[in-house]
C-alpha atoms as a PDB file:
ATOM      1  CA  UNK A   1     241.553  10.718 -74.827  1.00  0.00           C
ATOM      2  CA  UNK A   2     245.208  11.011 -75.851  1.00  0.00           C
ATOM      3  CA  UNK A   3     246.111   7.770 -74.024  1.00  0.00           C
ATOM      4  CA  UNK A   4     243.270   5.921 -75.773  1.00  0.00           C
ATOM      5  CA  UNK A   5     244.556   7.070 -79.152  1.00  0.00           C
ATOM      6  CA  UNK A   6     248.063   5.944 -78.213  1.00  0.00           C
ATOM      7  CA  UNK A   7     246.847   2.522 -77.130  1.00  0.00           C
ATOM      8  CA  UNK A   8     244.826   2.159 -80.352  1.00  0.00           C
ATOM      9  CA  UNK A   9     247.935   2.959 -82.385  1.00  0.00           C
ATOM     10  CA  UNK A  10     249.971   0.461 -80.387  1.00  0.00           C
ATOM     11  CA  UNK A  11     247.341  -2.245 -80.885  1.00  0.00           C
ATOM     12  CA  UNK A  12     247.264  -1.501 -84.610  1.00  0.00           C
ATOM     13  CA  UNK A  13     251.053  -1.581 -84.785  1.00  0.00           C
ATOM     14  CA  UNK A  14     251.087  -4.925 -82.976  1.00  0.00           C
ATOM     15  CA  UNK A  15     248.554  -6.353 -85.420  1.00  0.00           C
ATOM     16  CA  UNK A  16     250.721  -5.189 -88.305  1.00  0.00           C
ATOM     17  CA  UNK A  17     253.736  -6.829 -86.715  1.00  0.00           C
ATOM     18  CA  UNK A  18     252.185 -10.230 -86.201  1.00  0.00           C
ATOM     19  CA  UNK A  19     250.211 -10.416 -89.461  1.00  0.00           C
ATOM     20  CA  UNK A  20     253.116  -9.463 -91.704  1.00  0.00           C
ATOM     21  CA  UNK A  21     253.671 -12.394 -94.027  1.00  0.00           C
ATOM     22  CA  UNK A  22     256.262 -11.265 -96.565  1.00  0.00           C
ATOM     23  CA  UNK A  23     259.662 -10.044 -95.438  1.00  0.00           C
ATOM     24  CA  UNK A  24     260.122  -7.075 -97.761  1.00  0.00           C
ATOM     25  CA  UNK A  25     261.710  -8.256-101.018  1.00  0.00           C
ATOM     26  CA  UNK A  26     263.628 -10.953 -99.196  1.00  0.00           C
ATOM     27  CA  UNK A  27     263.761 -14.193-101.193  1.00  0.00           C
ATOM     28  CA  UNK A  28     266.889 -15.847 -99.784  1.00  0.00           C
ATOM     29  CA  UNK A  29     266.491 -17.159 -96.246  1.00  0.00           C
ATOM     30  CA  UNK A  30     268.162 -19.396 -93.712  1.00  0.00           C
ATOM     31  CA  UNK A  31     267.977 -23.000 -94.939  1.00  0.00           C
ATOM     32  CA  UNK A  32     267.748 -22.111 -98.648  1.00  0.00           C
ATOM     33  CA  UNK A  33     270.339 -23.388-101.094  1.00  0.00           C
ATOM     34  CA  UNK A  34     273.052 -20.814-101.612  1.00  0.00           C
ATOM     35  CA  UNK A  35     273.114 -19.180-105.065  1.00  0.00           C
ATOM     36  CA  UNK A  36     276.120 -19.630-107.301  1.00  0.00           C
ATOM     37  CA  UNK A  37     279.211 -17.664-106.374  1.00  0.00           C
ATOM     38  CA  UNK A  38     280.008 -15.668-109.520  1.00  0.00           C
ATOM     39  CA  UNK A  39     282.375 -12.710-109.434  1.00  0.00           C
ATOM     40  CA  UNK A  40     284.024 -10.498-112.035  1.00  0.00           C
ATOM     41  CA  UNK A  41     287.452 -11.424-110.776  1.00  0.00           C
ATOM     42  CA  UNK A  42     289.464 -12.892-107.939  1.00  0.00           C
ATOM     43  CA  UNK A  43     291.924 -10.513-106.339  1.00  0.00           C
ATOM     44  CA  UNK A  44     293.645 -13.069-104.114  1.00  0.00           C
ATOM     45  CA  UNK A  45     293.794 -16.871-103.831  1.00  0.00           C
ATOM     46  CA  UNK A  46     291.210 -17.888-106.426  1.00  0.00           C
ATOM     47  CA  UNK A  47     289.608 -21.235-105.410  1.00  0.00           C
ATOM     48  CA  UNK A  48     289.112 -24.013-107.945  1.00  0.00           C
ATOM     49  CA  UNK A  49     285.556 -24.683-106.750  1.00  0.00           C
ATOM     50  CA  UNK A  50     284.163 -21.601-104.962  1.00  0.00           C
ATOM     51  CA  UNK A  51     281.237 -23.478-103.355  1.00  0.00           C
ATOM     52  CA  UNK A  52     281.280 -27.239-102.938  1.00  0.00           C
ATOM     53  CA  UNK A  53     279.678 -29.703-100.577  1.00  0.00           C
ATOM     54  CA  UNK A  54     281.625 -30.794 -97.539  1.00  0.00           C
ATOM     55  CA  UNK A  55     283.077 -27.340 -96.813  1.00  0.00           C
ATOM     56  CA  UNK A  56     281.763 -24.502 -94.659  1.00  0.00           C
ATOM     57  CA  UNK A  57     282.106 -20.999 -96.066  1.00  0.00           C
ATOM     58  CA  UNK A  58     282.124 -17.494 -94.651  1.00  0.00           C
ATOM     59  CA  UNK A  59     281.323 -14.967 -97.366  1.00  0.00           C
ATOM     60  CA  UNK A  60     281.928 -11.440 -96.153  1.00  0.00           C
ATOM     61  CA  UNK A  61     280.706  -8.489 -98.183  1.00  0.00           C
ATOM     62  CA  UNK A  62     282.864  -5.388 -97.980  1.00  0.00           C
ATOM     63  CA  UNK A  63     284.129  -2.364 -99.943  1.00  0.00           C
ATOM     64  CA  UNK A  64     287.394  -0.464-100.119  1.00  0.00           C
ATOM     65  CA  UNK A  65     285.713   2.763 -98.887  1.00  0.00           C
ATOM     66  CA  UNK A  66     284.029   1.048 -95.908  1.00  0.00           C
ATOM     67  CA  UNK A  67     286.133   1.804 -92.834  1.00  0.00           C
ATOM     68  CA  UNK A  68     284.314  -0.674 -90.530  1.00  0.00           C
ATOM     69  CA  UNK A  69     284.955  -3.349 -93.193  1.00  0.00           C
ATOM     70  CA  UNK A  70     288.663  -2.593 -93.235  1.00  0.00           C
ATOM     71  CA  UNK A  71     288.775  -2.510 -89.449  1.00  0.00           C
ATOM     72  CA  UNK A  72     287.341  -6.047 -89.417  1.00  0.00           C
ATOM     73  CA  UNK A  73     290.105  -7.585 -91.552  1.00  0.00           C
ATOM     74  CA  UNK A  74     292.178  -8.815 -88.567  1.00  0.00           C
ATOM     75  CA  UNK A  75     289.103 -10.594 -87.184  1.00  0.00           C
ATOM     76  CA  UNK A  76     288.513 -12.382 -90.486  1.00  0.00           C
ATOM     77  CA  UNK A  77     292.195 -13.329 -90.631  1.00  0.00           C
ATOM     78  CA  UNK A  78     291.863 -14.841 -87.176  1.00  0.00           C
ATOM     79  CA  UNK A  79     288.764 -16.821 -88.179  1.00  0.00           C
ATOM     80  CA  UNK A  80     290.396 -18.084 -91.386  1.00  0.00           C
ATOM     81  CA  UNK A  81     293.416 -19.284 -89.430  1.00  0.00           C
ATOM     82  CA  UNK A  82     291.559 -20.678 -86.419  1.00  0.00           C
ATOM     83  CA  UNK A  83     289.103 -22.857 -88.367  1.00  0.00           C
ATOM     84  CA  UNK A  84     291.162 -23.726 -91.455  1.00  0.00           C
ATOM     85  CA  UNK A  85     291.758 -27.274 -90.225  1.00  0.00           C
ATOM     86  CA  UNK A  86     288.031 -27.826 -89.690  1.00  0.00           C
ATOM     87  CA  UNK A  87     286.984 -27.329 -93.302  1.00  0.00           C
ATOM     88  CA  UNK A  88     286.301 -23.583 -93.344  1.00  0.00           C
ATOM     89  CA  UNK A  89     286.969 -21.241 -96.256  1.00  0.00           C
ATOM     90  CA  UNK A  90     286.711 -17.443 -95.934  1.00  0.00           C
ATOM     91  CA  UNK A  91     285.905 -15.246 -98.933  1.00  0.00           C
ATOM     92  CA  UNK A  92     285.821 -11.467 -98.978  1.00  0.00           C
ATOM     93  CA  UNK A  93     283.620 -10.175-101.816  1.00  0.00           C
ATOM     94  CA  UNK A  94     283.816  -6.497-102.727  1.00  0.00           C
ATOM     95  CA  UNK A  95     280.372  -4.971-103.387  1.00  0.00           C
ATOM     96  CA  UNK A  96     278.854  -1.472-103.474  1.00  0.00           C
ATOM     97  CA  UNK A  97     282.116   0.007-104.735  1.00  0.00           C
ATOM     98  CA  UNK A  98     282.056   3.571-106.044  1.00  0.00           C
ATOM     99  CA  UNK A  99     281.436   4.044-109.768  1.00  0.00           C
ATOM    100  CA  UNK A 100     285.049   4.884-110.542  1.00  0.00           C
ATOM    101  CA  UNK A 101     286.291   1.591-109.053  1.00  0.00           C
ATOM    102  CA  UNK A 102     287.480  -0.942-111.626  1.00  0.00           C
ATOM    103  CA  UNK A 103     288.965  -4.410-111.418  1.00  0.00           C
ATOM    104  CA  UNK A 104     292.375  -2.846-112.058  1.00  0.00           C
ATOM    105  CA  UNK A 105     291.965  -0.273-109.298  1.00  0.00           C
ATOM    106  CA  UNK A 106     290.884  -3.010-106.873  1.00  0.00           C
ATOM    107  CA  UNK A 107     293.954  -5.031-107.816  1.00  0.00           C
ATOM    108  CA  UNK A 108     296.061  -1.975-107.048  1.00  0.00           C
ATOM    109  CA  UNK A 109     294.293  -1.696-103.704  1.00  0.00           C
ATOM    110  CA  UNK A 110     295.280  -5.276-102.931  1.00  0.00           C
ATOM    111  CA  UNK A 111     298.933  -4.210-103.234  1.00  0.00           C
ATOM    112  CA  UNK A 112     298.562  -1.606-100.485  1.00  0.00           C
ATOM    113  CA  UNK A 113     299.379  -2.532 -96.853  1.00  0.00           C
ATOM    114  CA  UNK A 114     295.670  -2.949 -96.103  1.00  0.00           C
ATOM    115  CA  UNK A 115     295.073  -5.199 -99.096  1.00  0.00           C
ATOM    116  CA  UNK A 116     298.177  -7.237 -98.390  1.00  0.00           C
ATOM    117  CA  UNK A 117     296.975  -7.813 -94.827  1.00  0.00           C
ATOM    118  CA  UNK A 118     293.975  -9.851 -96.037  1.00  0.00           C
ATOM    119  CA  UNK A 119     294.889 -13.490 -95.434  1.00  0.00           C
ATOM    120  CA  UNK A 120     291.918 -15.125 -97.185  1.00  0.00           C
ATOM    121  CA  UNK A 121     290.443 -15.329-100.678  1.00  0.00           C
ATOM    122  CA  UNK A 122     289.233 -11.983-102.022  1.00  0.00           C
ATOM    123  CA  UNK A 123     287.006 -11.290-105.038  1.00  0.00           C
ATOM    124  CA  UNK A 124     285.256  -8.369-106.731  1.00  0.00           C
ATOM    125  CA  UNK A 125     281.589  -8.382-107.695  1.00  0.00           C
ATOM    126  CA  UNK A 126     282.268  -5.707-110.297  1.00  0.00           C
ATOM    127  CA  UNK A 127     279.970  -4.436-113.037  1.00  0.00           C
ATOM    128  CA  UNK A 128     277.936  -7.631-113.253  1.00  0.00           C
ATOM    129  CA  UNK A 129     276.505  -7.070-109.743  1.00  0.00           C
ATOM    130  CA  UNK A 130     275.736 -10.790-109.593  1.00  0.00           C
ATOM    131  CA  UNK A 131     276.650 -11.057-105.911  1.00  0.00           C
ATOM    132  CA  UNK A 132     274.776  -7.898-105.011  1.00  0.00           C
ATOM    133  CA  UNK A 133     271.592  -8.994-106.774  1.00  0.00           C
ATOM    134  CA  UNK A 134     271.589 -12.716-105.989  1.00  0.00           C
ATOM    135  CA  UNK A 135     273.000 -12.506-102.476  1.00  0.00           C
ATOM    136  CA  UNK A 136     272.676  -9.096-100.840  1.00  0.00           C
ATOM    137  CA  UNK A 137     269.433  -7.968-102.507  1.00  0.00           C
ATOM    138  CA  UNK A 138     267.896 -11.431-102.207  1.00  0.00           C
ATOM    139  CA  UNK A 139     268.650 -11.487 -98.481  1.00  0.00           C
ATOM    140  CA  UNK A 140     267.285  -7.952 -98.131  1.00  0.00           C
ATOM    141  CA  UNK A 141     270.582  -6.489 -96.900  1.00  0.00           C
ATOM    142  CA  UNK A 142     271.842  -3.052 -97.911  1.00  0.00           C
ATOM    143  CA  UNK A 143     274.613  -2.413 -95.409  1.00  0.00           C
ATOM    144  CA  UNK A 144     278.197  -3.622 -95.062  1.00  0.00           C
ATOM    145  CA  UNK A 145     280.152  -5.229 -93.532  1.00  0.00           C
ATOM    146  CA  UNK A 146     277.839  -8.215 -93.772  1.00  0.00           C
ATOM    147  CA  UNK A 147     278.579 -11.932 -93.621  1.00  0.00           C
ATOM    148  CA  UNK A 148     276.841 -15.120 -94.737  1.00  0.00           C
ATOM    149  CA  UNK A 149     277.730 -18.620 -93.537  1.00  0.00           C
ATOM    150  CA  UNK A 150     277.122 -21.517 -95.962  1.00  0.00           C
ATOM    151  CA  UNK A 151     277.023 -25.004 -94.429  1.00  0.00           C
ATOM    152  CA  UNK A 152     278.443 -28.299 -95.718  1.00  0.00           C
ATOM    153  CA  UNK A 153     275.271 -28.908 -97.765  1.00  0.00           C
ATOM    154  CA  UNK A 154     275.685 -25.474 -99.436  1.00  0.00           C
ATOM    155  CA  UNK A 155     272.691 -24.048 -97.568  1.00  0.00           C
ATOM    156  CA  UNK A 156     272.470 -20.587 -96.040  1.00  0.00           C
ATOM    157  CA  UNK A 157     273.128 -21.286 -92.361  1.00  0.00           C
ATOM    158  CA  UNK A 158     273.422 -17.772 -90.971  1.00  0.00           C
ATOM    159  CA  UNK A 159     273.606 -14.089 -91.949  1.00  0.00           C
ATOM    160  CA  UNK A 160     274.596 -11.054 -89.934  1.00  0.00           C
ATOM    161  CA  UNK A 161     277.394  -8.829 -88.739  1.00  0.00           C
ATOM    162  CA  UNK A 162     280.871 -10.413 -88.989  1.00  0.00           C
ATOM    163  CA  UNK A 163     281.463  -9.659 -85.295  1.00  0.00           C
ATOM    164  CA  UNK A 164     278.996 -12.461 -84.480  1.00  0.00           C
ATOM    165  CA  UNK A 165     280.805 -15.170 -86.446  1.00  0.00           C
ATOM    166  CA  UNK A 166     282.636 -16.588 -83.420  1.00  0.00           C
ATOM    167  CA  UNK A 167     279.284 -17.434 -81.833  1.00  0.00           C
ATOM    168  CA  UNK A 168     278.064 -19.219 -84.962  1.00  0.00           C
ATOM    169  CA  UNK A 169     280.934 -21.125 -86.561  1.00  0.00           C
ATOM    170  CA  UNK A 170     281.669 -23.740 -83.858  1.00  0.00           C
ATOM    171  CA  UNK A 171     278.114 -25.134 -84.089  1.00  0.00           C
ATOM    172  CA  UNK A 172     277.936 -24.972 -87.897  1.00  0.00           C
ATOM    173  CA  UNK A 173     281.295 -26.730 -88.227  1.00  0.00           C
ATOM    174  CA  UNK A 174     280.214 -29.385 -85.711  1.00  0.00           C
ATOM    175  CA  UNK A 175     276.884 -29.905 -87.546  1.00  0.00           C
ATOM    176  CA  UNK A 176     275.000 -28.813 -84.431  1.00  0.00           C
ATOM    177  CA  UNK A 177     273.113 -26.026 -86.218  1.00  0.00           C
ATOM    178  CA  UNK A 178     269.315 -26.426 -86.327  1.00  0.00           C
ATOM    179  CA  UNK A 179     268.414 -24.772 -89.627  1.00  0.00           C
ATOM    180  CA  UNK A 180     264.640 -24.870 -89.144  1.00  0.00           C
ATOM    181  CA  UNK A 181     264.874 -23.285 -85.716  1.00  0.00           C
ATOM    182  CA  UNK A 182     267.349 -20.664 -86.932  1.00  0.00           C
ATOM    183  CA  UNK A 183     265.123 -19.835 -89.893  1.00  0.00           C
ATOM    184  CA  UNK A 184     262.091 -19.262 -87.653  1.00  0.00           C
ATOM    185  CA  UNK A 185     264.189 -17.115 -85.331  1.00  0.00           C
ATOM    186  CA  UNK A 186     265.602 -15.123 -88.255  1.00  0.00           C
ATOM    187  CA  UNK A 187     262.139 -14.481 -89.717  1.00  0.00           C
ATOM    188  CA  UNK A 188     260.907 -13.222 -86.361  1.00  0.00           C
ATOM    189  CA  UNK A 189     263.938 -10.989 -85.918  1.00  0.00           C
ATOM    190  CA  UNK A 190     263.398  -9.517 -89.380  1.00  0.00           C
ATOM    191  CA  UNK A 191     259.806  -8.644 -88.487  1.00  0.00           C
ATOM    192  CA  UNK A 192     260.888  -7.028 -85.238  1.00  0.00           C
ATOM    193  CA  UNK A 193     263.680  -5.172 -87.016  1.00  0.00           C
ATOM    194  CA  UNK A 194     261.249  -3.621 -89.500  1.00  0.00           C
ATOM    195  CA  UNK A 195     258.731  -2.869 -86.763  1.00  0.00           C
ATOM    196  CA  UNK A 196     261.485  -1.174 -84.759  1.00  0.00           C
ATOM    197  CA  UNK A 197     262.674   0.905 -87.722  1.00  0.00           C
ATOM    198  CA  UNK A 198     259.197   1.979 -88.825  1.00  0.00           C
ATOM    199  CA  UNK A 199     256.304   1.818 -86.354  1.00  0.00           C
ATOM    200  CA  UNK A 200     258.444   2.469 -83.270  1.00  0.00           C
ATOM    201  CA  UNK A 201     259.924   5.581 -84.874  1.00  0.00           C
ATOM    202  CA  UNK A 202     256.495   6.868 -85.961  1.00  0.00           C
ATOM    203  CA  UNK A 203     255.019   6.298 -82.507  1.00  0.00           C
ATOM    204  CA  UNK A 204     257.870   7.812 -80.491  1.00  0.00           C
ATOM    205  CA  UNK A 205     259.157  10.727 -82.557  1.00  0.00           C
ATOM    206  CA  UNK A 206     256.314  13.072 -81.480  1.00  0.00           C
ATOM    207  CA  UNK A 207     257.310  12.748 -77.806  1.00  0.00           C
ATOM    208  CA  UNK A 208     261.017  13.474 -78.083  1.00  0.00           C
ATOM    209  CA  UNK A 209     261.994  16.827 -76.597  1.00  0.00           C
ATOM    210  CA  UNK A 210     258.411  17.427 -75.484  1.00  0.00           C
ATOM    211  CA  UNK A 211     256.957  14.691 -73.305  1.00  0.00           C
ATOM    212  CA  UNK A 212     259.401  12.010 -72.139  1.00  0.00           C
ATOM    213  CA  UNK A 213     256.914  10.692 -69.594  1.00  0.00           C
ATOM    214  CA  UNK A 214     254.426  10.096 -72.398  1.00  0.00           C
ATOM    215  CA  UNK A 215     257.157   8.500 -74.480  1.00  0.00           C
ATOM    216  CA  UNK A 216     257.980   6.135 -71.650  1.00  0.00           C
ATOM    217  CA  UNK A 217     254.313   5.131 -71.377  1.00  0.00           C
ATOM    218  CA  UNK A 218     254.246   4.271 -75.093  1.00  0.00           C
ATOM    219  CA  UNK A 219     257.468   2.271 -74.807  1.00  0.00           C
ATOM    220  CA  UNK A 220     256.188   0.356 -71.787  1.00  0.00           C
ATOM    221  CA  UNK A 221     252.921  -0.387 -73.600  1.00  0.00           C
ATOM    222  CA  UNK A 222     254.807  -1.734 -76.607  1.00  0.00           C
ATOM    223  CA  UNK A 223     256.811  -4.023 -74.328  1.00  0.00           C
ATOM    224  CA  UNK A 224     253.590  -5.562 -73.039  1.00  0.00           C
ATOM    225  CA  UNK A 225     252.886  -6.720 -76.606  1.00  0.00           C
ATOM    226  CA  UNK A 226     256.473  -7.517 -77.551  1.00  0.00           C
ATOM    227  CA  UNK A 227     259.107  -7.758 -74.767  1.00  0.00           C
ATOM    228  CA  UNK A 228     261.873  -8.667 -77.234  1.00  0.00           C
ATOM    229  CA  UNK A 229     261.838  -5.123 -78.635  1.00  0.00           C
ATOM    230  CA  UNK A 230     263.604  -3.800 -75.538  1.00  0.00           C
ATOM    231  CA  UNK A 231     267.159  -3.792 -76.899  1.00  0.00           C
ATOM    232  CA  UNK A 232     266.460  -3.183 -80.585  1.00  0.00           C
ATOM    233  CA  UNK A 233     268.249  -0.117 -82.053  1.00  0.00           C
ATOM    234  CA  UNK A 234     265.423   2.430 -82.369  1.00  0.00           C
ATOM    235  CA  UNK A 235     263.558   1.195 -79.324  1.00  0.00           C
ATOM    236  CA  UNK A 236     266.753   1.516 -77.291  1.00  0.00           C
ATOM    237  CA  UNK A 237     267.352   4.989 -78.700  1.00  0.00           C
ATOM    238  CA  UNK A 238     263.969   6.256 -77.562  1.00  0.00           C
ATOM    239  CA  UNK A 239     264.192   4.398 -74.247  1.00  0.00           C
ATOM    240  CA  UNK A 240     267.538   6.088 -73.552  1.00  0.00           C
ATOM    241  CA  UNK A 241     266.115   9.583 -74.042  1.00  0.00           C
ATOM    242  CA  UNK A 242     262.887   8.798 -72.169  1.00  0.00           C
ATOM    243  CA  UNK A 243     264.642   7.278 -69.158  1.00  0.00           C
ATOM    244  CA  UNK A 244     267.156  10.116 -68.865  1.00  0.00           C
ATOM    245  CA  UNK A 245     264.271  12.578 -69.059  1.00  0.00           C
ATOM    246  CA  UNK A 246     262.163  10.840 -66.423  1.00  0.00           C
ATOM    247  CA  UNK A 247     264.087   8.246 -64.388  1.00  0.00           C
ATOM    248  CA  UNK A 248     267.751   9.084 -64.875  1.00  0.00           C
ATOM    249  CA  UNK A 249     268.851   6.624 -62.169  1.00  0.00           C
ATOM    250  CA  UNK A 250     267.434   3.763 -64.265  1.00  0.00           C
ATOM    251  CA  UNK A 251     268.980   4.941 -67.520  1.00  0.00           C
ATOM    252  CA  UNK A 252     272.573   3.791 -66.951  1.00  0.00           C
ATOM    253  CA  UNK A 253     271.808   0.095 -66.258  1.00  0.00           C
ATOM    254  CA  UNK A 254     269.546   0.053 -69.316  1.00  0.00           C
ATOM    255  CA  UNK A 255     272.137   1.729 -71.560  1.00  0.00           C
ATOM    256  CA  UNK A 256     274.895  -0.660 -70.513  1.00  0.00           C
ATOM    257  CA  UNK A 257     272.698  -3.689 -71.192  1.00  0.00           C
ATOM    258  CA  UNK A 258     271.628  -2.194 -74.531  1.00  0.00           C
ATOM    259  CA  UNK A 259     275.249  -1.693 -75.546  1.00  0.00           C
ATOM    260  CA  UNK A 260     276.177  -5.195 -74.417  1.00  0.00           C
ATOM    261  CA  UNK A 261     273.325  -6.778 -76.378  1.00  0.00           C
ATOM    262  CA  UNK A 262     274.134  -5.205 -79.760  1.00  0.00           C
ATOM    263  CA  UNK A 263     277.026  -6.087 -82.052  1.00  0.00           C
ATOM    264  CA  UNK A 264     277.060  -2.436 -83.158  1.00  0.00           C
ATOM    265  CA  UNK A 265     276.303  -0.434 -79.992  1.00  0.00           C
ATOM    266  CA  UNK A 266     274.810   3.015 -80.479  1.00  0.00           C
ATOM    267  CA  UNK A 267     277.284   5.074 -78.489  1.00  0.00           C
ATOM    268  CA  UNK A 268     276.181   8.134 -80.446  1.00  0.00           C
ATOM    269  CA  UNK A 269     272.647   7.937 -79.062  1.00  0.00           C
ATOM    270  CA  UNK A 270     274.069   8.365 -75.563  1.00  0.00           C
ATOM    271  CA  UNK A 271     276.470  11.195 -76.413  1.00  0.00           C
ATOM    272  CA  UNK A 272     273.665  12.954 -78.330  1.00  0.00           C
ATOM    273  CA  UNK A 273     271.301  12.507 -75.389  1.00  0.00           C
ATOM    274  CA  UNK A 274     273.795  13.957 -72.884  1.00  0.00           C
ATOM    275  CA  UNK A 275     274.486  16.910 -75.200  1.00  0.00           C
ATOM    276  CA  UNK A 276     270.753  17.534 -75.659  1.00  0.00           C
ATOM    277  CA  UNK A 277     269.835  17.361 -71.965  1.00  0.00           C
ATOM    278  CA  UNK A 278     272.878  19.473 -71.002  1.00  0.00           C
ATOM    279  CA  UNK A 279     271.203  22.296 -72.935  1.00  0.00           C
ATOM    280  CA  UNK A 280     267.496  21.634 -72.361  1.00  0.00           C
ATOM    281  CA  UNK A 281     267.328  20.104 -68.896  1.00  0.00           C
ATOM    282  CA  UNK A 282     270.745  19.885 -67.175  1.00  0.00           C
ATOM    283  CA  UNK A 283     269.045  19.229 -63.838  1.00  0.00           C
ATOM    284  CA  UNK A 284     268.332  15.601 -64.844  1.00  0.00           C
ATOM    285  CA  UNK A 285     271.990  14.820 -65.562  1.00  0.00           C
ATOM    286  CA  UNK A 286     274.041  13.257 -62.776  1.00  0.00           C
ATOM    287  CA  UNK A 287     277.819  12.950 -62.537  1.00  0.00           C
ATOM    288  CA  UNK A 288     277.466   9.301 -63.551  1.00  0.00           C
ATOM    289  CA  UNK A 289     275.583  10.266 -66.724  1.00  0.00           C
ATOM    290  CA  UNK A 290     278.195  12.859 -67.685  1.00  0.00           C
ATOM    291  CA  UNK A 291     280.889  10.213 -67.246  1.00  0.00           C
ATOM    292  CA  UNK A 292     278.847   7.807 -69.355  1.00  0.00           C
ATOM    293  CA  UNK A 293     278.755  10.531 -72.006  1.00  0.00           C
ATOM    294  CA  UNK A 294     282.561  10.654 -71.887  1.00  0.00           C
ATOM    295  CA  UNK A 295     282.673   6.876 -72.267  1.00  0.00           C
ATOM    296  CA  UNK A 296     280.323   7.030 -75.268  1.00  0.00           C
ATOM    297  CA  UNK A 297     282.460   9.673 -76.978  1.00  0.00           C
ATOM    298  CA  UNK A 298     285.653   7.727 -76.335  1.00  0.00           C
ATOM    299  CA  UNK A 299     284.074   4.587 -77.797  1.00  0.00           C
ATOM    300  CA  UNK A 300     283.292   6.515 -80.983  1.00  0.00           C
ATOM    301  CA  UNK A 301     286.860   7.808 -81.174  1.00  0.00           C
ATOM    302  CA  UNK A 302     288.142   4.250 -80.742  1.00  0.00           C
ATOM    303  CA  UNK A 303     285.748   2.579 -83.173  1.00  0.00           C
ATOM    304  CA  UNK A 304     284.933   5.260 -85.773  1.00  0.00           C
ATOM    305  CA  UNK A 305     287.915   7.639 -85.737  1.00  0.00           C
ATOM    306  CA  UNK A 306     287.432   8.475 -89.425  1.00  0.00           C
ATOM    307  CA  UNK A 307     284.045  10.066 -88.676  1.00  0.00           C
ATOM    308  CA  UNK A 308     285.043  12.107 -85.625  1.00  0.00           C
ATOM    309  CA  UNK A 309     286.244  15.681 -85.105  1.00  0.00           C
ATOM    310  CA  UNK A 310     288.867  14.923 -82.440  1.00  0.00           C
ATOM    311  CA  UNK A 311     289.361  18.492 -81.236  1.00  0.00           C
ATOM    312  CA  UNK A 312     285.628  19.123 -80.835  1.00  0.00           C
ATOM    313  CA  UNK A 313     285.154  15.747 -79.140  1.00  0.00           C
ATOM    314  CA  UNK A 314     287.998  16.303 -76.652  1.00  0.00           C
ATOM    315  CA  UNK A 315     286.503  19.675 -75.704  1.00  0.00           C
ATOM    316  CA  UNK A 316     283.097  18.045 -75.241  1.00  0.00           C
ATOM    317  CA  UNK A 317     284.662  15.359 -73.028  1.00  0.00           C
ATOM    318  CA  UNK A 318     286.441  18.084 -71.021  1.00  0.00           C
ATOM    319  CA  UNK A 319     283.095  19.780 -70.440  1.00  0.00           C
ATOM    320  CA  UNK A 320     281.516  16.552 -69.201  1.00  0.00           C
ATOM    321  CA  UNK A 321     284.449  15.778 -66.911  1.00  0.00           C
ATOM    322  CA  UNK A 322     284.148  19.261 -65.443  1.00  0.00           C
ATOM    323  CA  UNK A 323     280.424  18.882 -64.812  1.00  0.00           C
ATOM    324  CA  UNK A 324     281.093  15.482 -63.224  1.00  0.00           C
ATOM    325  CA  UNK A 325     283.581  17.059 -60.810  1.00  0.00           C
ATOM    326  CA  UNK A 326     286.644  15.522 -62.470  1.00  0.00           C
ATOM    327  CA  UNK A 327     288.601  18.763 -62.859  1.00  0.00           C
ATOM    328  CA  UNK A 328     292.027  17.224 -63.537  1.00  0.00           C
ATOM    329  CA  UNK A 329     290.647  14.995 -66.296  1.00  0.00           C
ATOM    330  CA  UNK A 330     288.851  18.017 -67.733  1.00  0.00           C
ATOM    331  CA  UNK A 331     292.165  19.909 -67.836  1.00  0.00           C
ATOM    332  CA  UNK A 332     293.883  16.961 -69.500  1.00  0.00           C
ATOM    333  CA  UNK A 333     291.217  16.811 -72.205  1.00  0.00           C
ATOM    334  CA  UNK A 334     291.475  20.531 -72.851  1.00  0.00           C
ATOM    335  CA  UNK A 335     295.220  20.094 -73.287  1.00  0.00           C
ATOM    336  CA  UNK A 336     294.675  17.271 -75.782  1.00  0.00           C
ATOM    337  CA  UNK A 337     292.255  19.457 -77.717  1.00  0.00           C
ATOM    338  CA  UNK A 338     294.657  22.390 -77.692  1.00  0.00           C
ATOM    339  CA  UNK A 339     297.482  20.173 -78.993  1.00  0.00           C
ATOM    340  CA  UNK A 340     295.437  19.531 -82.129  1.00  0.00           C
END
């Protein structure tokens, strides 16, 4: 009876996925003409004509408080330099700043070492929120860093994480970018993204910590309807827990492929899973999984140091090394923790 209910829910979820017509409040899509580029002020290298035909533009949305945004500055510098001779302009537009931020405070920020390291045009959306409303909100995007590519006909050619720009720009600059095809692909990805964040979570949450075998059955059934879900963020999260809980030998190849497929890998899912199973069901954890947990924690230290408790993390890594039989590495980690 329970399996029938599950299958009915999956069928209903699949119907919802494929009959969804509107994409949330999204009104600005791939292929549409780009809105005007209006900002409250330019903080560096103000262009005479912010958007004109014949040029390709990267518009990256960022904020002074956003550590991943600041960490991406060298990459944007590299892009601005690499493609400058091919008709590319790079703009960084500050959005979602905290209430106390003003144009003057942002100008002061630009005089700091971080601000001075930005080798492209920089602007502030400011109190008008024109860029937020007409670009970010219209695209349906609430997170930063986020980038939009505008082609030589001032159309939206691409939108996504700035890490992906190197895969996009060569074709856009060479006019080898099929806008219609990219629009259809983007619309489909948006549907899958919402399905992953909503229906997948609702379907899988009841199984976590209780019935990983049942969770795996639900995940496998969803893949029959939509194979492309496999490496989406929430689907991958639940697949990680379900595989470790049922088929731990298959979990590592899946996790590595999941990480490789995403521009923002969820290392935390893996470290959380190892920590959870170490308490609830340590018998399913192999030496290889403990070492993968160490790798996941190290990746977070490397990529999100501002959000990590280094001493606690080093002690956690020491514990995993010990359980994996790597006693010397465990001792080294304990020493690093003690030094803090």
